[in-house]
Amino acid sequence: MKTGSLVVAIALAAIASPIAAQGFKPTKPIEFVTHTGPGGGGDVFARGIAAAMEKEGLMPVRMQVVNKTGGGGLTAMAYLAEKRGETHTIAVFTGIWFTNPIMRKEATFTMKDLTPVVRLVLEPAMIAVKNDAPYKSLNEFIDAARQSPGQLKQSAGSLGSRDWVVRQLLMSNTGTSWAYISFPGGGERIAALLGGHVNMMVIEPQEAGEHIRAGNMRVIATVAEKRLPAFPDVPTIQEAGFNIPNVPQVRGIVAPPGIPPEVVAYWEDLFARFIKTASWQKYLADNMFQDGYMRSAELNKFGDQFSETTRDILKAGGVKVAR
C-alpha cells in the first residue's frame, strides 16, 4: 500500500463510528413498536417477548412496548420508516404489514422500505363464537348467514387483516354475506363477542386462550394447515368443506431503514439465542405457535414470496389490489 493510501485508511478508521468499530450493544431502553392497541395480537406478542427477554436476562436494557395504532398497520410502518438510522427501535410485524400496502394506494411505505430482522412464528387462527351461540360448526354459521344476508356480524380488526381476508374468501366461496365490525383493540373485539353484540370472530390462539379455557368461547373451525393439537375434534376450514386457500399469518421483527449491519447482526444473534430459551418454548406451546425463525436475508426473500401469495389470495377474494 502506498504511504498516502495508508494515511487515508488510518484516518478513516479513526473516525469510523463506534458501532462499526466495536459492534453494537443497546445503551438505552428499546422502543418496541406494535400496530395494535392493548390486547391486540401484536401488542400481546410484543409484551410476551419483552417479558420473556427480561426473565431470561438476555437484554442489557428494558424493552418498552409502544402502541402506534391506526391505518391497519400503516401508522406504525410510517413511524418506523421515519426513524431512519435509529438503532434503539424495533417493531413487531404481522401479515397485515405486507397486505395493506398491496391493497391501499395511500400507503406511503411498504415492508421493502424497512429493515427485515427476523421471522419468529407462523400462527394459526380459530373461528370462534360465544359459548351459547346456536352455531356448533362453521357450516351452521354459513347456513345462518345464507338465510339472513348481511344480518350477522363479525367482530374484527382492520380491513386487510387476516380475519378480513378469511371473511372475503368465505363469502366469495359460499355466496353469503355478513357485516364486518372493526374495533381498534383485541380486548374490544373480544368484549363485543362475549357481550353478544356480534356473532363470530376470527381470532389468534394467544388472544383467545383464557376465554376458551374459561368456557366463554366455542371454536367452530381453524385457519391452519392441519388440526391444532389442542382442538383435535375441530376441523380446519378446508376439512369443513370450504375450498379456500389457507390464509397464512406470520409474526417477526423489523427495524427502521438505514441501520448499520452490526445492529441487524446483534438482533439476529439475540433472537437466535432467545428462541432456544425455556421461556420462549413455553410461550410457543401455550399459544399454539409454530416456530418459524428466519434470519434477515431469508426473511427478505420470504417477504417477496409472502407478498405474491397474499396478492393472489386477495384477488381470489375479489379484492382490488393497488400494487
C-alpha atoms as a PDB file:
ATOM      1  CA  MET A   1       0.000   0.000   0.000  1.00  0.00           C
ATOM      2  CA  LYS A   2       1.305   3.457  -0.860  1.00  0.00           C
ATOM      3  CA  THR A   3       2.077   5.799   2.042  1.00  0.00           C
ATOM      4  CA  GLY A   4      -0.713   8.214   1.087  1.00  0.00           C
ATOM      5  CA  SER A   5      -3.281   5.436   0.914  1.00  0.00           C
ATOM      6  CA  LEU A   6      -2.149   4.088   4.258  1.00  0.00           C
ATOM      7  CA  VAL A   7      -2.584   7.507   5.873  1.00  0.00           C
ATOM      8  CA  VAL A   8      -6.102   7.812   4.426  1.00  0.00           C
ATOM      9  CA  ALA A   9      -7.020   4.325   5.672  1.00  0.00           C
ATOM     10  CA  ILE A  10      -5.789   5.138   9.181  1.00  0.00           C
ATOM     11  CA  ALA A  11      -7.703   8.409   9.184  1.00  0.00           C
ATOM     12  CA  LEU A  12     -10.915   6.733   8.083  1.00  0.00           C
ATOM     13  CA  ALA A  13     -10.529   4.085  10.762  1.00  0.00           C
ATOM     14  CA  ALA A  14     -10.083   6.792  13.380  1.00  0.00           C
ATOM     15  CA  ILE A  15     -13.361   8.492  12.511  1.00  0.00           C
ATOM     16  CA  ALA A  16     -15.373   5.297  11.990  1.00  0.00           C
ATOM     17  CA  SER A  17     -18.492   5.039  14.127  1.00  0.00           C
ATOM     18  CA  PRO A  18     -18.216   3.148  17.415  1.00  0.00           C
ATOM     19  CA  ILE A  19     -20.846   0.731  16.134  1.00  0.00           C
ATOM     20  CA  ALA A  20     -18.740  -0.194  13.141  1.00  0.00           C
ATOM     21  CA  ALA A  21     -15.569  -0.464  15.191  1.00  0.00           C
ATOM     22  CA  GLN A  22     -16.799  -2.224  18.290  1.00  0.00           C
ATOM     23  CA  GLY A  23     -20.104  -3.869  17.407  1.00  0.00           C
ATOM     24  CA  PHE A  24     -23.479  -2.840  18.711  1.00  0.00           C
ATOM     25  CA  LYS A  25     -24.896  -3.158  22.207  1.00  0.00           C
ATOM     26  CA  PRO A  26     -28.003  -1.265  23.393  1.00  0.00           C
ATOM     27  CA  THR A  27     -27.243   1.583  25.789  1.00  0.00           C
ATOM     28  CA  LYS A  28     -30.778   2.862  26.436  1.00  0.00           C
ATOM     29  CA  PRO A  29     -34.299   1.329  26.575  1.00  0.00           C
ATOM     30  CA  ILE A  30     -35.524  -0.235  23.367  1.00  0.00           C
ATOM     31  CA  GLU A  31     -38.665   1.227  21.844  1.00  0.00           C
ATOM     32  CA  PHE A  32     -40.688  -1.836  20.819  1.00  0.00           C
ATOM     33  CA  VAL A  33     -43.431  -0.756  18.407  1.00  0.00           C
ATOM     34  CA  THR A  34     -46.675  -2.592  17.669  1.00  0.00           C
ATOM     35  CA  HIS A  35     -49.522  -1.512  15.413  1.00  0.00           C
ATOM     36  CA  THR A  36     -52.290  -2.925  17.617  1.00  0.00           C
ATOM     37  CA  GLY A  37     -53.832  -1.465  20.738  1.00  0.00           C
ATOM     38  CA  PRO A  38     -53.716  -3.106  24.185  1.00  0.00           C
ATOM     39  CA  GLY A  39     -54.999  -6.674  23.971  1.00  0.00           C
ATOM     40  CA  GLY A  40     -54.483  -6.944  20.224  1.00  0.00           C
ATOM     41  CA  GLY A  41     -52.411  -9.751  18.747  1.00  0.00           C
ATOM     42  CA  GLY A  42     -49.327  -7.635  18.031  1.00  0.00           C
ATOM     43  CA  ASP A  43     -49.485  -5.991  21.448  1.00  0.00           C
ATOM     44  CA  VAL A  44     -49.795  -9.329  23.270  1.00  0.00           C
ATOM     45  CA  PHE A  45     -46.959 -10.756  21.193  1.00  0.00           C
ATOM     46  CA  ALA A  46     -44.620  -7.810  21.856  1.00  0.00           C
ATOM     47  CA  ARG A  47     -45.303  -7.863  25.585  1.00  0.00           C
ATOM     48  CA  GLY A  48     -44.772 -11.625  25.663  1.00  0.00           C
ATOM     49  CA  ILE A  49     -41.352 -11.196  24.055  1.00  0.00           C
ATOM     50  CA  ALA A  50     -40.403  -8.333  26.374  1.00  0.00           C
ATOM     51  CA  ALA A  51     -41.406 -10.304  29.467  1.00  0.00           C
ATOM     52  CA  ALA A  52     -39.546 -13.432  28.339  1.00  0.00           C
ATOM     53  CA  MET A  53     -36.426 -11.415  27.444  1.00  0.00           C
ATOM     54  CA  GLU A  54     -36.418  -9.903  30.922  1.00  0.00           C
ATOM     55  CA  LYS A  55     -36.976 -13.265  32.592  1.00  0.00           C
ATOM     56  CA  GLU A  56     -34.101 -14.843  30.680  1.00  0.00           C
ATOM     57  CA  GLY A  57     -31.796 -11.874  31.327  1.00  0.00           C
ATOM     58  CA  LEU A  58     -30.794 -11.562  27.682  1.00  0.00           C
ATOM     59  CA  MET A  59     -31.133  -7.797  27.301  1.00  0.00           C
ATOM     60  CA  PRO A  60     -28.883  -5.205  28.975  1.00  0.00           C
ATOM     61  CA  VAL A  61     -31.747  -2.673  28.807  1.00  0.00           C
ATOM     62  CA  ARG A  62     -35.549  -2.718  29.074  1.00  0.00           C
ATOM     63  CA  MET A  63     -37.915  -3.147  26.125  1.00  0.00           C
ATOM     64  CA  GLN A  64     -40.749  -0.616  26.248  1.00  0.00           C
ATOM     65  CA  VAL A  65     -43.811  -1.530  24.170  1.00  0.00           C
ATOM     66  CA  VAL A  66     -45.219   1.443  22.235  1.00  0.00           C
ATOM     67  CA  ASN A  67     -48.633   1.219  20.544  1.00  0.00           C
ATOM     68  CA  LYS A  68     -48.871   3.067  17.221  1.00  0.00           C
ATOM     69  CA  THR A  69     -52.385   2.237  16.100  1.00  0.00           C
ATOM     70  CA  GLY A  70     -54.283   3.354  13.031  1.00  0.00           C
ATOM     71  CA  GLY A  71     -54.429   2.619   9.340  1.00  0.00           C
ATOM     72  CA  GLY A  72     -54.253  -1.136   9.772  1.00  0.00           C
ATOM     73  CA  GLY A  73     -50.521  -1.027  10.443  1.00  0.00           C
ATOM     74  CA  LEU A  74     -49.744   1.880   8.124  1.00  0.00           C
ATOM     75  CA  THR A  75     -49.288   4.325  11.013  1.00  0.00           C
ATOM     76  CA  ALA A  76     -46.752   2.066  12.722  1.00  0.00           C
ATOM     77  CA  MET A  77     -44.933   1.425   9.448  1.00  0.00           C
ATOM     78  CA  ALA A  78     -44.678   5.151   8.734  1.00  0.00           C
ATOM     79  CA  TYR A  79     -43.479   5.813  12.278  1.00  0.00           C
ATOM     80  CA  LEU A  80     -40.751   3.208  11.896  1.00  0.00           C
ATOM     81  CA  ALA A  81     -39.735   4.396   8.427  1.00  0.00           C
ATOM     82  CA  GLU A  82     -39.358   7.949   9.667  1.00  0.00           C
ATOM     83  CA  LYS A  83     -36.882   6.805  12.342  1.00  0.00           C
ATOM     84  CA  ARG A  84     -34.242   6.064   9.713  1.00  0.00           C
ATOM     85  CA  GLY A  85     -30.947   5.005  11.266  1.00  0.00           C
ATOM     86  CA  GLU A  86     -32.392   4.739  14.786  1.00  0.00           C
ATOM     87  CA  THR A  87     -30.624   1.805  16.441  1.00  0.00           C
ATOM     88  CA  HIS A  88     -32.791   1.504  19.549  1.00  0.00           C
ATOM     89  CA  THR A  89     -36.168   0.985  17.889  1.00  0.00           C
ATOM     90  CA  ILE A  90     -37.658  -2.255  16.564  1.00  0.00           C
ATOM     91  CA  ALA A  91     -41.211  -3.343  15.790  1.00  0.00           C
ATOM     92  CA  VAL A  92     -43.365  -6.441  15.633  1.00  0.00           C
ATOM     93  CA  PHE A  93     -44.668  -7.016  12.117  1.00  0.00           C
ATOM     94  CA  THR A  94     -47.553  -9.255  11.122  1.00  0.00           C
ATOM     95  CA  GLY A  95     -49.066 -10.277   7.812  1.00  0.00           C
ATOM     96  CA  ILE A  96     -51.020  -7.034   7.554  1.00  0.00           C
ATOM     97  CA  TRP A  97     -47.747  -5.143   7.090  1.00  0.00           C
ATOM     98  CA  PHE A  98     -47.498  -6.937   3.738  1.00  0.00           C
ATOM     99  CA  THR A  99     -51.218  -6.938   2.927  1.00  0.00           C
ATOM    100  CA  ASN A 100     -52.263  -3.339   3.498  1.00  0.00           C
ATOM    101  CA  PRO A 101     -49.724  -1.690   1.167  1.00  0.00           C
ATOM    102  CA  ILE A 102     -50.818  -4.127  -1.546  1.00  0.00           C
ATOM    103  CA  MET A 103     -54.434  -3.037  -1.096  1.00  0.00           C
ATOM    104  CA  ARG A 104     -54.177   0.653  -0.379  1.00  0.00           C
ATOM    105  CA  LYS A 105     -52.834   3.327  -2.703  1.00  0.00           C
ATOM    106  CA  GLU A 106     -52.417   5.758   0.172  1.00  0.00           C
ATOM    107  CA  ALA A 107     -49.808   3.512   1.816  1.00  0.00           C
ATOM    108  CA  THR A 108     -46.654   5.642   1.988  1.00  0.00           C
ATOM    109  CA  PHE A 109     -44.313   2.784   2.872  1.00  0.00           C
ATOM    110  CA  THR A 110     -44.087  -0.969   2.305  1.00  0.00           C
ATOM    111  CA  MET A 111     -42.018  -3.636   4.012  1.00  0.00           C
ATOM    112  CA  LYS A 112     -39.364  -3.085   1.346  1.00  0.00           C
ATOM    113  CA  ASP A 113     -38.733   0.338   2.896  1.00  0.00           C
ATOM    114  CA  LEU A 114     -37.867  -1.163   6.291  1.00  0.00           C
ATOM    115  CA  THR A 115     -35.075  -3.415   7.545  1.00  0.00           C
ATOM    116  CA  PRO A 116     -36.034  -7.082   7.993  1.00  0.00           C
ATOM    117  CA  VAL A 117     -34.573  -8.558  11.167  1.00  0.00           C
ATOM    118  CA  VAL A 118     -36.040 -11.979  11.960  1.00  0.00           C
ATOM    119  CA  ARG A 119     -39.168 -14.021  11.383  1.00  0.00           C
ATOM    120  CA  LEU A 120     -40.252 -15.704  14.604  1.00  0.00           C
ATOM    121  CA  VAL A 121     -43.512 -17.614  14.274  1.00  0.00           C
ATOM    122  CA  LEU A 122     -46.195 -18.906  11.967  1.00  0.00           C
ATOM    123  CA  GLU A 123     -49.566 -18.618  13.635  1.00  0.00           C
ATOM    124  CA  PRO A 124     -52.860 -20.437  13.161  1.00  0.00           C
ATOM    125  CA  ALA A 125     -56.228 -18.820  13.858  1.00  0.00           C
ATOM    126  CA  MET A 126     -59.580 -20.002  15.099  1.00  0.00           C
ATOM    127  CA  ILE A 127     -63.115 -19.125  14.092  1.00  0.00           C
ATOM    128  CA  ALA A 128     -64.913 -18.685  17.394  1.00  0.00           C
ATOM    129  CA  VAL A 129     -68.437 -17.913  18.594  1.00  0.00           C
ATOM    130  CA  LYS A 130     -69.877 -17.218  22.021  1.00  0.00           C
ATOM    131  CA  ASN A 131     -70.283 -20.356  24.130  1.00  0.00           C
ATOM    132  CA  ASP A 132     -74.089 -20.200  23.962  1.00  0.00           C
ATOM    133  CA  ALA A 133     -74.304 -19.332  20.252  1.00  0.00           C
ATOM    134  CA  PRO A 134     -76.607 -21.544  18.156  1.00  0.00           C
ATOM    135  CA  TYR A 135     -73.762 -22.421  15.754  1.00  0.00           C
ATOM    136  CA  LYS A 136     -71.997 -25.691  16.530  1.00  0.00           C
ATOM    137  CA  SER A 137     -69.985 -25.668  13.297  1.00  0.00           C
ATOM    138  CA  LEU A 138     -68.828 -23.307  10.570  1.00  0.00           C
ATOM    139  CA  ASN A 139     -71.382 -24.884   8.248  1.00  0.00           C
ATOM    140  CA  GLU A 140     -74.176 -23.866  10.628  1.00  0.00           C
ATOM    141  CA  PHE A 141     -72.885 -20.300  10.748  1.00  0.00           C
ATOM    142  CA  ILE A 142     -72.720 -20.159   6.938  1.00  0.00           C
ATOM    143  CA  ASP A 143     -76.271 -21.553   6.703  1.00  0.00           C
ATOM    144  CA  ALA A 144     -77.476 -18.840   9.086  1.00  0.00           C
ATOM    145  CA  ALA A 145     -75.685 -16.177   7.032  1.00  0.00           C
ATOM    146  CA  ARG A 146     -77.319 -17.526   3.879  1.00  0.00           C
ATOM    147  CA  GLN A 147     -80.757 -17.306   5.461  1.00  0.00           C
ATOM    148  CA  SER A 148     -80.188 -13.745   6.741  1.00  0.00           C
ATOM    149  CA  PRO A 149     -77.940 -11.933   4.228  1.00  0.00           C
ATOM    150  CA  GLY A 150     -75.928  -9.123   5.803  1.00  0.00           C
ATOM    151  CA  GLN A 151     -77.525  -9.543   9.213  1.00  0.00           C
ATOM    152  CA  LEU A 152     -74.870 -11.494  11.110  1.00  0.00           C
ATOM    153  CA  LYS A 153     -71.823  -9.639  12.392  1.00  0.00           C
ATOM    154  CA  GLN A 154     -68.137 -10.436  12.678  1.00  0.00           C
ATOM    155  CA  SER A 155     -66.059  -8.797  15.409  1.00  0.00           C
ATOM    156  CA  ALA A 156     -62.852  -7.848  13.696  1.00  0.00           C
ATOM    157  CA  GLY A 157     -59.785  -5.718  13.196  1.00  0.00           C
ATOM    158  CA  SER A 158     -58.861  -3.506  10.280  1.00  0.00           C
ATOM    159  CA  LEU A 159     -59.553  -4.007   6.598  1.00  0.00           C
ATOM    160  CA  GLY A 160     -56.852  -6.164   5.084  1.00  0.00           C
ATOM    161  CA  SER A 161     -56.092  -8.132   8.244  1.00  0.00           C
ATOM    162  CA  ARG A 162     -56.290 -11.901   8.192  1.00  0.00           C
ATOM    163  CA  ASP A 163     -59.788 -12.013   9.698  1.00  0.00           C
ATOM    164  CA  TRP A 164     -60.961  -9.698   6.899  1.00  0.00           C
ATOM    165  CA  VAL A 165     -59.304 -11.838   4.207  1.00  0.00           C
ATOM    166  CA  VAL A 166     -60.836 -15.028   5.638  1.00  0.00           C
ATOM    167  CA  ARG A 167     -64.259 -13.366   5.563  1.00  0.00           C
ATOM    168  CA  GLN A 168     -63.809 -12.257   1.945  1.00  0.00           C
ATOM    169  CA  LEU A 169     -62.792 -15.741   0.857  1.00  0.00           C
ATOM    170  CA  LEU A 170     -65.631 -17.471   2.708  1.00  0.00           C
ATOM    171  CA  MET A 171     -68.265 -15.078   1.379  1.00  0.00           C
ATOM    172  CA  SER A 172     -66.925 -15.410  -2.161  1.00  0.00           C
ATOM    173  CA  ASN A 173     -66.887 -19.211  -1.875  1.00  0.00           C
ATOM    174  CA  THR A 174     -70.379 -19.550  -0.405  1.00  0.00           C
ATOM    175  CA  GLY A 175     -72.288 -16.635  -1.904  1.00  0.00           C
ATOM    176  CA  THR A 176     -73.119 -15.334   1.565  1.00  0.00           C
ATOM    177  CA  SER A 177     -72.522 -12.022   3.304  1.00  0.00           C
ATOM    178  CA  TRP A 178     -72.247 -10.690   6.835  1.00  0.00           C
ATOM    179  CA  ALA A 179     -71.152  -7.428   8.405  1.00  0.00           C
ATOM    180  CA  TYR A 180     -67.567  -6.694   9.409  1.00  0.00           C
ATOM    181  CA  ILE A 181     -67.378  -4.606  12.577  1.00  0.00           C
ATOM    182  CA  SER A 182     -63.912  -3.138  13.157  1.00  0.00           C
ATOM    183  CA  PHE A 183     -62.552  -2.429  16.637  1.00  0.00           C
ATOM    184  CA  PRO A 184     -59.176  -0.809  17.389  1.00  0.00           C
ATOM    185  CA  GLY A 185     -58.113  -3.308  20.057  1.00  0.00           C
ATOM    186  CA  GLY A 186     -58.304  -7.044  20.637  1.00  0.00           C
ATOM    187  CA  GLY A 187     -59.920  -6.550  24.019  1.00  0.00           C
ATOM    188  CA  GLU A 188     -62.780  -4.604  22.442  1.00  0.00           C
ATOM    189  CA  ARG A 189     -63.282  -7.235  19.751  1.00  0.00           C
ATOM    190  CA  ILE A 190     -63.499  -9.992  22.338  1.00  0.00           C
ATOM    191  CA  ALA A 191     -65.815  -7.958  24.564  1.00  0.00           C
ATOM    192  CA  ALA A 192     -68.180  -7.430  21.626  1.00  0.00           C
ATOM    193  CA  LEU A 193     -68.377 -11.182  21.044  1.00  0.00           C
ATOM    194  CA  LEU A 194     -68.767 -12.159  24.692  1.00  0.00           C
ATOM    195  CA  GLY A 195     -71.365  -9.419  25.145  1.00  0.00           C
ATOM    196  CA  GLY A 196     -73.482 -10.844  22.341  1.00  0.00           C
ATOM    197  CA  HIS A 197     -73.138  -7.755  20.136  1.00  0.00           C
ATOM    198  CA  VAL A 198     -71.580  -9.743  17.276  1.00  0.00           C
ATOM    199  CA  ASN A 199     -71.900 -13.353  16.166  1.00  0.00           C
ATOM    200  CA  MET A 200     -68.432 -14.562  15.243  1.00  0.00           C
ATOM    201  CA  MET A 201     -64.755 -13.667  15.100  1.00  0.00           C
ATOM    202  CA  VAL A 202     -61.502 -14.964  13.636  1.00  0.00           C
ATOM    203  CA  ILE A 203     -59.045 -14.860  16.491  1.00  0.00           C
ATOM    204  CA  GLU A 204     -55.468 -15.907  17.234  1.00  0.00           C
ATOM    205  CA  PRO A 205     -54.916 -18.527  19.958  1.00  0.00           C
ATOM    206  CA  GLN A 206     -52.878 -16.148  22.128  1.00  0.00           C
ATOM    207  CA  GLU A 207     -55.812 -13.714  22.261  1.00  0.00           C
ATOM    208  CA  ALA A 208     -58.492 -16.352  22.833  1.00  0.00           C
ATOM    209  CA  GLY A 209     -56.680 -18.747  25.155  1.00  0.00           C
ATOM    210  CA  GLU A 210     -58.002 -17.641  28.537  1.00  0.00           C
ATOM    211  CA  HIS A 211     -61.557 -17.244  27.237  1.00  0.00           C
ATOM    212  CA  ILE A 212     -61.561 -20.696  25.671  1.00  0.00           C
ATOM    213  CA  ARG A 213     -60.156 -22.261  28.836  1.00  0.00           C
ATOM    214  CA  ALA A 214     -62.848 -20.451  30.834  1.00  0.00           C
ATOM    215  CA  GLY A 215     -65.528 -21.819  28.526  1.00  0.00           C
ATOM    216  CA  ASN A 216     -66.590 -18.410  27.225  1.00  0.00           C
ATOM    217  CA  MET A 217     -65.915 -19.210  23.562  1.00  0.00           C
ATOM    218  CA  ARG A 218     -66.598 -22.142  21.257  1.00  0.00           C
ATOM    219  CA  VAL A 219     -64.174 -22.869  18.401  1.00  0.00           C
ATOM    220  CA  ILE A 220     -66.057 -23.987  15.272  1.00  0.00           C
ATOM    221  CA  ALA A 221     -63.161 -24.157  12.760  1.00  0.00           C
ATOM    222  CA  THR A 222     -59.464 -23.426  12.490  1.00  0.00           C
ATOM    223  CA  VAL A 223     -57.404 -21.500   9.946  1.00  0.00           C
ATOM    224  CA  ALA A 224     -54.420 -23.820   9.724  1.00  0.00           C
ATOM    225  CA  GLU A 225     -52.776 -26.425   7.521  1.00  0.00           C
ATOM    226  CA  LYS A 226     -53.813 -29.188   9.922  1.00  0.00           C
ATOM    227  CA  ARG A 227     -55.864 -29.612  13.083  1.00  0.00           C
ATOM    228  CA  LEU A 228     -54.491 -27.989  16.187  1.00  0.00           C
ATOM    229  CA  PRO A 229     -53.367 -30.430  18.898  1.00  0.00           C
ATOM    230  CA  ALA A 230     -55.412 -28.547  21.488  1.00  0.00           C
ATOM    231  CA  PHE A 231     -58.553 -28.940  19.346  1.00  0.00           C
ATOM    232  CA  PRO A 232     -58.325 -32.388  17.740  1.00  0.00           C
ATOM    233  CA  ASP A 233     -62.084 -32.518  17.079  1.00  0.00           C
ATOM    234  CA  VAL A 234     -62.292 -29.110  15.398  1.00  0.00           C
ATOM    235  CA  PRO A 235     -61.844 -29.225  11.593  1.00  0.00           C
ATOM    236  CA  THR A 236     -59.861 -26.813   9.503  1.00  0.00           C
ATOM    237  CA  ILE A 237     -61.843 -24.643   7.098  1.00  0.00           C
ATOM    238  CA  GLN A 238     -60.908 -26.986   4.259  1.00  0.00           C
ATOM    239  CA  GLU A 239     -61.949 -30.066   6.244  1.00  0.00           C
ATOM    240  CA  ALA A 240     -65.273 -28.359   6.910  1.00  0.00           C
ATOM    241  CA  GLY A 241     -65.831 -28.381   3.164  1.00  0.00           C
ATOM    242  CA  PHE A 242     -64.879 -24.866   2.090  1.00  0.00           C
ATOM    243  CA  ASN A 243     -62.464 -24.733  -0.828  1.00  0.00           C
ATOM    244  CA  ILE A 244     -60.472 -21.637   0.030  1.00  0.00           C
ATOM    245  CA  PRO A 245     -56.706 -21.229   0.437  1.00  0.00           C
ATOM    246  CA  ASN A 246     -55.215 -21.296   3.893  1.00  0.00           C
ATOM    247  CA  VAL A 247     -54.522 -17.707   4.906  1.00  0.00           C
ATOM    248  CA  PRO A 248     -51.037 -17.540   6.417  1.00  0.00           C
ATOM    249  CA  GLN A 249     -50.127 -15.397   9.399  1.00  0.00           C
ATOM    250  CA  VAL A 250     -46.560 -14.541  10.255  1.00  0.00           C
ATOM    251  CA  ARG A 251     -45.000 -12.566  13.087  1.00  0.00           C
ATOM    252  CA  GLY A 252     -41.488 -11.269  13.415  1.00  0.00           C
ATOM    253  CA  ILE A 253     -39.238  -8.287  13.979  1.00  0.00           C
ATOM    254  CA  VAL A 254     -38.435  -5.390  11.675  1.00  0.00           C
ATOM    255  CA  ALA A 255     -36.302  -2.281  12.199  1.00  0.00           C
ATOM    256  CA  PRO A 256     -36.084   1.222  10.721  1.00  0.00           C
ATOM    257  CA  PRO A 257     -34.348   1.687   7.391  1.00  0.00           C
ATOM    258  CA  GLY A 258     -30.718   2.643   7.213  1.00  0.00           C
ATOM    259  CA  ILE A 259     -29.466   0.922  10.348  1.00  0.00           C
ATOM    260  CA  PRO A 260     -25.892  -0.450  10.297  1.00  0.00           C
ATOM    261  CA  PRO A 261     -25.348  -4.162   9.530  1.00  0.00           C
ATOM    262  CA  GLU A 262     -23.860  -4.581  13.012  1.00  0.00           C
ATOM    263  CA  VAL A 263     -27.214  -3.670  14.548  1.00  0.00           C
ATOM    264  CA  VAL A 264     -29.060  -6.200  12.391  1.00  0.00           C
ATOM    265  CA  ALA A 265     -26.483  -8.837  13.366  1.00  0.00           C
ATOM    266  CA  TYR A 266     -26.984  -8.018  17.046  1.00  0.00           C
ATOM    267  CA  TRP A 267     -30.753  -8.596  16.840  1.00  0.00           C
ATOM    268  CA  GLU A 268     -30.342 -11.733  14.729  1.00  0.00           C
ATOM    269  CA  ASP A 269     -27.953 -13.268  17.236  1.00  0.00           C
ATOM    270  CA  LEU A 270     -30.034 -12.166  20.225  1.00  0.00           C
ATOM    271  CA  PHE A 271     -33.213 -13.742  18.862  1.00  0.00           C
ATOM    272  CA  ALA A 272     -31.296 -16.861  17.795  1.00  0.00           C
ATOM    273  CA  ARG A 273     -30.439 -17.335  21.479  1.00  0.00           C
ATOM    274  CA  PHE A 274     -33.860 -16.223  22.646  1.00  0.00           C
ATOM    275  CA  ILE A 275     -35.813 -18.848  20.692  1.00  0.00           C
ATOM    276  CA  LYS A 276     -33.862 -21.610  22.452  1.00  0.00           C
ATOM    277  CA  THR A 277     -34.849 -20.479  25.945  1.00  0.00           C
ATOM    278  CA  ALA A 278     -37.340 -22.316  28.129  1.00  0.00           C
ATOM    279  CA  SER A 279     -39.473 -19.168  28.393  1.00  0.00           C
ATOM    280  CA  TRP A 280     -39.884 -18.904  24.632  1.00  0.00           C
ATOM    281  CA  GLN A 281     -40.540 -22.596  24.129  1.00  0.00           C
ATOM    282  CA  LYS A 282     -43.281 -22.441  26.755  1.00  0.00           C
ATOM    283  CA  TYR A 283     -44.712 -19.343  25.084  1.00  0.00           C
ATOM    284  CA  LEU A 284     -44.870 -21.170  21.737  1.00  0.00           C
ATOM    285  CA  ALA A 285     -46.648 -24.138  23.276  1.00  0.00           C
ATOM    286  CA  ASP A 286     -49.082 -22.055  25.319  1.00  0.00           C
ATOM    287  CA  ASN A 287     -50.121 -20.039  22.255  1.00  0.00           C
ATOM    288  CA  MET A 288     -50.066 -22.864  19.687  1.00  0.00           C
ATOM    289  CA  PHE A 289     -47.455 -21.075  17.576  1.00  0.00           C
ATOM    290  CA  GLN A 290     -45.200 -22.844  15.104  1.00  0.00           C
ATOM    291  CA  ASP A 291     -41.523 -21.971  15.278  1.00  0.00           C
ATOM    292  CA  GLY A 292     -40.705 -20.020  12.134  1.00  0.00           C
ATOM    293  CA  TYR A 293     -37.302 -18.497  12.851  1.00  0.00           C
ATOM    294  CA  MET A 294     -35.545 -16.902   9.895  1.00  0.00           C
ATOM    295  CA  ARG A 295     -32.623 -14.530   9.824  1.00  0.00           C
ATOM    296  CA  SER A 296     -32.676 -11.236   7.923  1.00  0.00           C
ATOM    297  CA  ALA A 297     -31.583 -12.409   4.468  1.00  0.00           C
ATOM    298  CA  GLU A 298     -34.033 -15.325   4.484  1.00  0.00           C
ATOM    299  CA  LEU A 299     -36.807 -13.064   5.748  1.00  0.00           C
ATOM    300  CA  ASN A 300     -36.204 -10.636   2.907  1.00  0.00           C
ATOM    301  CA  LYS A 301     -36.757 -13.419   0.360  1.00  0.00           C
ATOM    302  CA  PHE A 302     -39.731 -14.754   2.304  1.00  0.00           C
ATOM    303  CA  GLY A 303     -41.288 -11.296   2.274  1.00  0.00           C
ATOM    304  CA  ASP A 304     -41.276 -11.211  -1.520  1.00  0.00           C
ATOM    305  CA  GLN A 305     -42.878 -14.664  -1.694  1.00  0.00           C
ATOM    306  CA  PHE A 306     -45.402 -13.817   1.025  1.00  0.00           C
ATOM    307  CA  SER A 307     -46.446 -10.659  -0.804  1.00  0.00           C
ATOM    308  CA  GLU A 308     -47.054 -12.590  -4.012  1.00  0.00           C
ATOM    309  CA  THR A 309     -49.086 -15.238  -2.167  1.00  0.00           C
ATOM    310  CA  THR A 310     -51.087 -12.550  -0.376  1.00  0.00           C
ATOM    311  CA  ARG A 311     -51.754 -10.731  -3.640  1.00  0.00           C
ATOM    312  CA  ASP A 312     -53.139 -13.940  -5.166  1.00  0.00           C
ATOM    313  CA  ILE A 313     -55.342 -14.586  -2.105  1.00  0.00           C
ATOM    314  CA  LEU A 314     -56.713 -11.051  -2.229  1.00  0.00           C
ATOM    315  CA  LYS A 315     -57.530 -11.381  -5.915  1.00  0.00           C
ATOM    316  CA  ALA A 316     -59.237 -14.731  -5.246  1.00  0.00           C
ATOM    317  CA  GLY A 317     -61.352 -12.971  -2.624  1.00  0.00           C
ATOM    318  CA  GLY A 318     -62.434 -10.323  -5.109  1.00  0.00           C
ATOM    319  CA  VAL A 319     -60.220  -7.589  -3.669  1.00  0.00           C
ATOM    320  CA  LYS A 320     -58.756  -4.921  -5.954  1.00  0.00           C
ATOM    321  CA  VAL A 321     -55.021  -4.553  -5.403  1.00  0.00           C
ATOM    322  CA  ALA A 322     -53.201  -1.218  -5.591  1.00  0.00           C
ATOM    323  CA  ARG A 323     -49.665  -2.501  -6.258  1.00  0.00           C
END
